[in-house]
Amino acid sequence: MQMHTRKVIVVITEALLEKPLTEDIKKLGVRGYTVTSARGEGSRGKRSADLDGAQNIRLEIICDEPLADKITAHLADRYMPNYAMVLYTLDAQVLRPQKF
């Protein structure tokens, strides 16, 4: 069974950004993504997934490295200066690379 290397981009940010983020990443060429509710504590304090207006999301994208570079640069430029956002990438081994 041949595995193929792809990047996983993980973005943890304010829930109000879900629609603009997903629209942006689709325009950049993302074929699919996963969004889940997130809660935790960090440099900006404690965030609970059950408080209106203070919700966070976790957005995950699997893609090739050139697209990952495009996405991370775009998000860093457009959103990070004005919104609470954590962004990191991981290497992943996938079975069906054509999906990503």
N, C-alpha and C. Protein backbone atom coordinates (compact mmCIF):
# COMPACT_ATOMS: atom_id res chain seq x y z
N MET A 1 0.84 -1.17 0.00
CA MET A 1 0.00 0.00 0.00
C MET A 1 0.89 1.24 0.00
N GLN A 2 0.77 2.06 -1.01
CA GLN A 2 1.60 3.26 -1.14
C GLN A 2 0.95 4.45 -0.45
N MET A 3 1.71 5.08 0.43
CA MET A 3 1.25 6.28 1.11
C MET A 3 1.90 7.49 0.43
N HIS A 4 1.22 8.64 0.50
CA HIS A 4 1.68 9.86 -0.14
C HIS A 4 1.68 10.98 0.89
N THR A 5 2.72 11.80 0.87
CA THR A 5 2.84 12.88 1.85
C THR A 5 2.01 14.09 1.43
N ARG A 6 1.24 14.60 2.36
CA ARG A 6 0.48 15.82 2.19
C ARG A 6 0.65 16.65 3.46
N LYS A 7 0.23 17.89 3.41
CA LYS A 7 0.26 18.78 4.57
C LYS A 7 -1.13 18.84 5.18
N VAL A 8 -1.18 18.91 6.50
CA VAL A 8 -2.41 19.21 7.22
C VAL A 8 -2.24 20.61 7.79
N ILE A 9 -3.15 21.50 7.43
CA ILE A 9 -3.16 22.84 8.00
C ILE A 9 -4.23 22.85 9.07
N VAL A 10 -3.88 23.31 10.25
CA VAL A 10 -4.83 23.42 11.35
C VAL A 10 -4.91 24.89 11.73
N VAL A 11 -6.13 25.41 11.73
CA VAL A 11 -6.38 26.81 12.10
C VAL A 11 -7.39 26.80 13.24
N ILE A 12 -7.02 27.43 14.34
CA ILE A 12 -7.94 27.60 15.46
C ILE A 12 -8.19 29.09 15.57
N THR A 13 -9.45 29.48 15.44
CA THR A 13 -9.76 30.90 15.39
C THR A 13 -11.20 31.16 15.81
N GLU A 14 -11.58 32.41 15.73
CA GLU A 14 -12.92 32.86 16.11
C GLU A 14 -13.97 32.31 15.16
N ALA A 15 -15.09 31.83 15.72
CA ALA A 15 -16.15 31.21 14.92
C ALA A 15 -16.73 32.16 13.88
N LEU A 16 -16.72 33.43 14.14
CA LEU A 16 -17.28 34.39 13.18
C LEU A 16 -16.51 34.41 11.86
N LEU A 17 -15.31 33.83 11.84
CA LEU A 17 -14.51 33.78 10.61
C LEU A 17 -14.79 32.55 9.75
N GLU A 18 -15.64 31.64 10.20
CA GLU A 18 -15.84 30.40 9.45
C GLU A 18 -16.23 30.65 8.00
N LYS A 19 -17.23 31.46 7.75
CA LYS A 19 -17.69 31.68 6.37
C LYS A 19 -16.62 32.36 5.51
N PRO A 20 -16.02 33.48 5.94
CA PRO A 20 -14.99 34.08 5.07
C PRO A 20 -13.77 33.17 4.88
N LEU A 21 -13.36 32.43 5.91
CA LEU A 21 -12.21 31.53 5.77
C LEU A 21 -12.50 30.43 4.77
N THR A 22 -13.65 29.80 4.88
CA THR A 22 -13.96 28.69 3.97
C THR A 22 -14.14 29.19 2.54
N GLU A 23 -14.70 30.39 2.37
CA GLU A 23 -14.80 30.96 1.02
C GLU A 23 -13.41 31.22 0.45
N ASP A 24 -12.53 31.80 1.26
CA ASP A 24 -11.17 32.09 0.81
C ASP A 24 -10.40 30.83 0.42
N ILE A 25 -10.45 29.81 1.27
CA ILE A 25 -9.66 28.61 0.97
C ILE A 25 -10.18 27.88 -0.26
N LYS A 26 -11.50 27.92 -0.49
CA LYS A 26 -12.04 27.31 -1.71
C LYS A 26 -11.56 28.06 -2.94
N LYS A 27 -11.51 29.40 -2.87
CA LYS A 27 -11.01 30.19 -3.99
C LYS A 27 -9.53 29.90 -4.26
N LEU A 28 -8.79 29.55 -3.21
CA LEU A 28 -7.37 29.22 -3.37
C LEU A 28 -7.15 27.82 -3.92
N GLY A 29 -8.20 26.98 -3.96
CA GLY A 29 -8.08 25.66 -4.56
C GLY A 29 -8.29 24.47 -3.65
N VAL A 30 -8.74 24.70 -2.42
CA VAL A 30 -8.99 23.60 -1.49
C VAL A 30 -10.21 22.80 -1.94
N ARG A 31 -10.08 21.49 -1.95
CA ARG A 31 -11.18 20.61 -2.37
C ARG A 31 -12.11 20.23 -1.23
N GLY A 32 -11.61 20.25 0.00
CA GLY A 32 -12.43 19.88 1.14
C GLY A 32 -11.76 20.31 2.42
N TYR A 33 -12.52 20.36 3.48
CA TYR A 33 -12.02 20.79 4.78
C TYR A 33 -12.97 20.27 5.86
N THR A 34 -12.53 20.37 7.10
CA THR A 34 -13.35 19.98 8.25
C THR A 34 -13.35 21.14 9.24
N VAL A 35 -14.52 21.46 9.76
CA VAL A 35 -14.65 22.49 10.79
C VAL A 35 -15.32 21.87 12.00
N THR A 36 -14.73 22.07 13.17
CA THR A 36 -15.31 21.62 14.43
C THR A 36 -15.26 22.75 15.44
N SER A 37 -16.09 22.67 16.47
CA SER A 37 -16.04 23.64 17.57
C SER A 37 -14.78 23.38 18.39
N ALA A 38 -14.24 24.44 18.96
CA ALA A 38 -13.02 24.30 19.76
C ALA A 38 -13.15 25.15 21.02
N ARG A 39 -12.52 24.68 22.07
CA ARG A 39 -12.45 25.46 23.31
C ARG A 39 -11.09 25.21 23.94
N GLY A 40 -10.66 26.13 24.78
CA GLY A 40 -9.36 25.99 25.42
C GLY A 40 -8.92 27.28 26.05
N GLU A 41 -7.65 27.36 26.36
CA GLU A 41 -7.10 28.54 26.99
C GLU A 41 -5.73 28.84 26.39
N GLY A 42 -5.47 30.11 26.18
CA GLY A 42 -4.20 30.52 25.59
C GLY A 42 -3.87 31.94 25.96
N SER A 43 -3.05 32.58 25.14
CA SER A 43 -2.57 33.93 25.45
C SER A 43 -3.68 34.96 25.52
N ARG A 44 -4.80 34.70 24.89
CA ARG A 44 -5.93 35.64 24.92
C ARG A 44 -7.00 35.23 25.93
N GLY A 45 -6.65 34.29 26.81
CA GLY A 45 -7.59 33.87 27.85
C GLY A 45 -8.29 32.58 27.51
N LYS A 46 -9.28 32.25 28.32
CA LYS A 46 -10.05 31.02 28.17
C LYS A 46 -11.18 31.24 27.19
N ARG A 47 -11.34 30.30 26.26
CA ARG A 47 -12.41 30.36 25.28
C ARG A 47 -13.28 29.13 25.44
N SER A 48 -14.57 29.35 25.60
CA SER A 48 -15.51 28.25 25.77
C SER A 48 -16.35 28.10 24.52
N ALA A 49 -16.61 26.89 24.10
CA ALA A 49 -17.40 26.66 22.89
C ALA A 49 -18.88 26.92 23.12
N ASP A 50 -19.31 27.17 24.35
CA ASP A 50 -20.73 27.36 24.60
C ASP A 50 -21.13 28.80 24.90
N LEU A 51 -20.22 29.74 24.79
CA LEU A 51 -20.56 31.14 25.03
C LEU A 51 -20.81 31.86 23.71
N ASP A 52 -21.98 32.50 23.59
CA ASP A 52 -22.26 33.25 22.37
C ASP A 52 -21.22 34.34 22.17
N GLY A 53 -20.76 34.48 20.95
CA GLY A 53 -19.82 35.53 20.62
C GLY A 53 -18.38 35.22 20.98
N ALA A 54 -18.13 34.18 21.77
CA ALA A 54 -16.77 33.86 22.18
C ALA A 54 -16.37 32.46 21.71
N GLN A 55 -17.07 31.96 20.73
CA GLN A 55 -16.79 30.61 20.26
C GLN A 55 -15.57 30.57 19.35
N ASN A 56 -14.90 29.44 19.37
CA ASN A 56 -13.77 29.18 18.47
C ASN A 56 -14.11 28.00 17.58
N ILE A 57 -13.43 27.94 16.45
CA ILE A 57 -13.53 26.79 15.56
C ILE A 57 -12.13 26.26 15.29
N ARG A 58 -12.10 25.02 14.88
CA ARG A 58 -10.86 24.38 14.41
C ARG A 58 -11.12 23.98 12.97
N LEU A 59 -10.35 24.55 12.06
CA LEU A 59 -10.47 24.29 10.63
C LEU A 59 -9.27 23.44 10.23
N GLU A 60 -9.53 22.30 9.58
CA GLU A 60 -8.45 21.41 9.14
C GLU A 60 -8.54 21.20 7.64
N ILE A 61 -7.39 21.30 7.00
CA ILE A 61 -7.30 21.16 5.54
C ILE A 61 -6.14 20.21 5.24
N ILE A 62 -6.36 19.27 4.32
CA ILE A 62 -5.28 18.41 3.83
C ILE A 62 -5.05 18.81 2.38
N CYS A 63 -3.79 19.10 2.04
CA CYS A 63 -3.46 19.52 0.68
C CYS A 63 -1.98 19.29 0.40
N ASP A 64 -1.57 19.58 -0.83
CA ASP A 64 -0.15 19.45 -1.14
C ASP A 64 0.60 20.67 -0.59
N GLU A 65 1.92 20.56 -0.58
CA GLU A 65 2.74 21.60 0.05
C GLU A 65 2.64 22.97 -0.63
N PRO A 66 2.64 23.05 -1.97
CA PRO A 66 2.51 24.38 -2.58
C PRO A 66 1.21 25.09 -2.20
N LEU A 67 0.10 24.35 -2.16
CA LEU A 67 -1.17 24.95 -1.76
C LEU A 67 -1.15 25.32 -0.29
N ALA A 68 -0.54 24.50 0.55
CA ALA A 68 -0.41 24.82 1.98
C ALA A 68 0.35 26.13 2.17
N ASP A 69 1.40 26.33 1.39
CA ASP A 69 2.16 27.58 1.48
C ASP A 69 1.29 28.77 1.10
N LYS A 70 0.49 28.63 0.04
CA LYS A 70 -0.41 29.70 -0.40
C LYS A 70 -1.44 30.03 0.66
N ILE A 71 -2.03 29.00 1.24
CA ILE A 71 -3.08 29.19 2.24
C ILE A 71 -2.52 29.86 3.49
N THR A 72 -1.41 29.35 3.99
CA THR A 72 -0.86 29.92 5.23
C THR A 72 -0.44 31.37 5.03
N ALA A 73 0.14 31.70 3.89
CA ALA A 73 0.53 33.09 3.62
C ALA A 73 -0.70 33.99 3.56
N HIS A 74 -1.75 33.52 2.90
CA HIS A 74 -2.98 34.31 2.78
C HIS A 74 -3.61 34.56 4.15
N LEU A 75 -3.74 33.50 4.95
CA LEU A 75 -4.36 33.66 6.27
C LEU A 75 -3.53 34.55 7.18
N ALA A 76 -2.21 34.39 7.11
CA ALA A 76 -1.33 35.23 7.93
C ALA A 76 -1.47 36.70 7.55
N ASP A 77 -1.54 36.99 6.27
CA ASP A 77 -1.64 38.37 5.81
C ASP A 77 -3.03 38.98 6.08
N ARG A 78 -4.07 38.21 5.80
CA ARG A 78 -5.42 38.77 5.83
C ARG A 78 -6.06 38.75 7.22
N TYR A 79 -5.81 37.71 8.01
CA TYR A 79 -6.56 37.55 9.25
C TYR A 79 -5.75 37.72 10.53
N MET A 80 -4.53 37.25 10.55
CA MET A 80 -3.77 37.25 11.81
C MET A 80 -3.57 38.62 12.44
N PRO A 81 -3.41 39.70 11.67
CA PRO A 81 -3.22 41.00 12.33
C PRO A 81 -4.43 41.47 13.15
N ASN A 82 -5.63 40.97 12.83
CA ASN A 82 -6.84 41.51 13.45
C ASN A 82 -7.69 40.52 14.23
N TYR A 83 -7.35 39.24 14.19
CA TYR A 83 -8.17 38.22 14.83
C TYR A 83 -7.31 37.26 15.64
N ALA A 84 -7.92 36.66 16.67
CA ALA A 84 -7.23 35.61 17.41
C ALA A 84 -7.15 34.38 16.50
N MET A 85 -5.93 33.92 16.24
CA MET A 85 -5.76 32.80 15.34
C MET A 85 -4.47 32.06 15.66
N VAL A 86 -4.57 30.74 15.71
CA VAL A 86 -3.40 29.87 15.79
C VAL A 86 -3.40 29.06 14.50
N LEU A 87 -2.24 28.96 13.86
CA LEU A 87 -2.14 28.24 12.61
C LEU A 87 -0.87 27.41 12.65
N TYR A 88 -1.00 26.13 12.33
CA TYR A 88 0.19 25.28 12.23
C TYR A 88 -0.04 24.21 11.17
N THR A 89 1.06 23.61 10.72
CA THR A 89 0.97 22.55 9.72
C THR A 89 1.65 21.29 10.25
N LEU A 90 1.20 20.18 9.73
CA LEU A 90 1.75 18.86 10.07
C LEU A 90 1.92 18.08 8.78
N ASP A 91 2.84 17.14 8.76
CA ASP A 91 2.94 16.21 7.64
C ASP A 91 1.99 15.04 7.90
N ALA A 92 1.34 14.58 6.84
CA ALA A 92 0.43 13.44 6.95
C ALA A 92 0.70 12.49 5.79
N GLN A 93 0.45 11.22 6.02
CA GLN A 93 0.54 10.21 4.99
C GLN A 93 -0.88 9.81 4.62
N VAL A 94 -1.23 9.94 3.34
CA VAL A 94 -2.59 9.64 2.90
C VAL A 94 -2.57 8.53 1.86
N LEU A 95 -3.68 7.82 1.78
CA LEU A 95 -3.80 6.72 0.82
C LEU A 95 -4.27 7.18 -0.55
N ARG A 96 -5.14 8.15 -0.61
CA ARG A 96 -5.71 8.59 -1.90
C ARG A 96 -5.32 10.04 -2.15
N PRO A 97 -4.14 10.29 -2.68
CA PRO A 97 -3.66 11.66 -2.84
C PRO A 97 -4.51 12.50 -3.79
N GLN A 98 -5.20 11.89 -4.70
CA GLN A 98 -6.02 12.62 -5.65
C GLN A 98 -7.19 13.35 -4.98
N LYS A 99 -7.54 12.95 -3.77
CA LYS A 99 -8.61 13.63 -3.03
C LYS A 99 -8.18 14.98 -2.50
N PHE A 100 -6.87 15.20 -2.42
CA PHE A 100 -6.35 16.40 -1.77
C PHE A 100 -5.62 17.25 -2.77
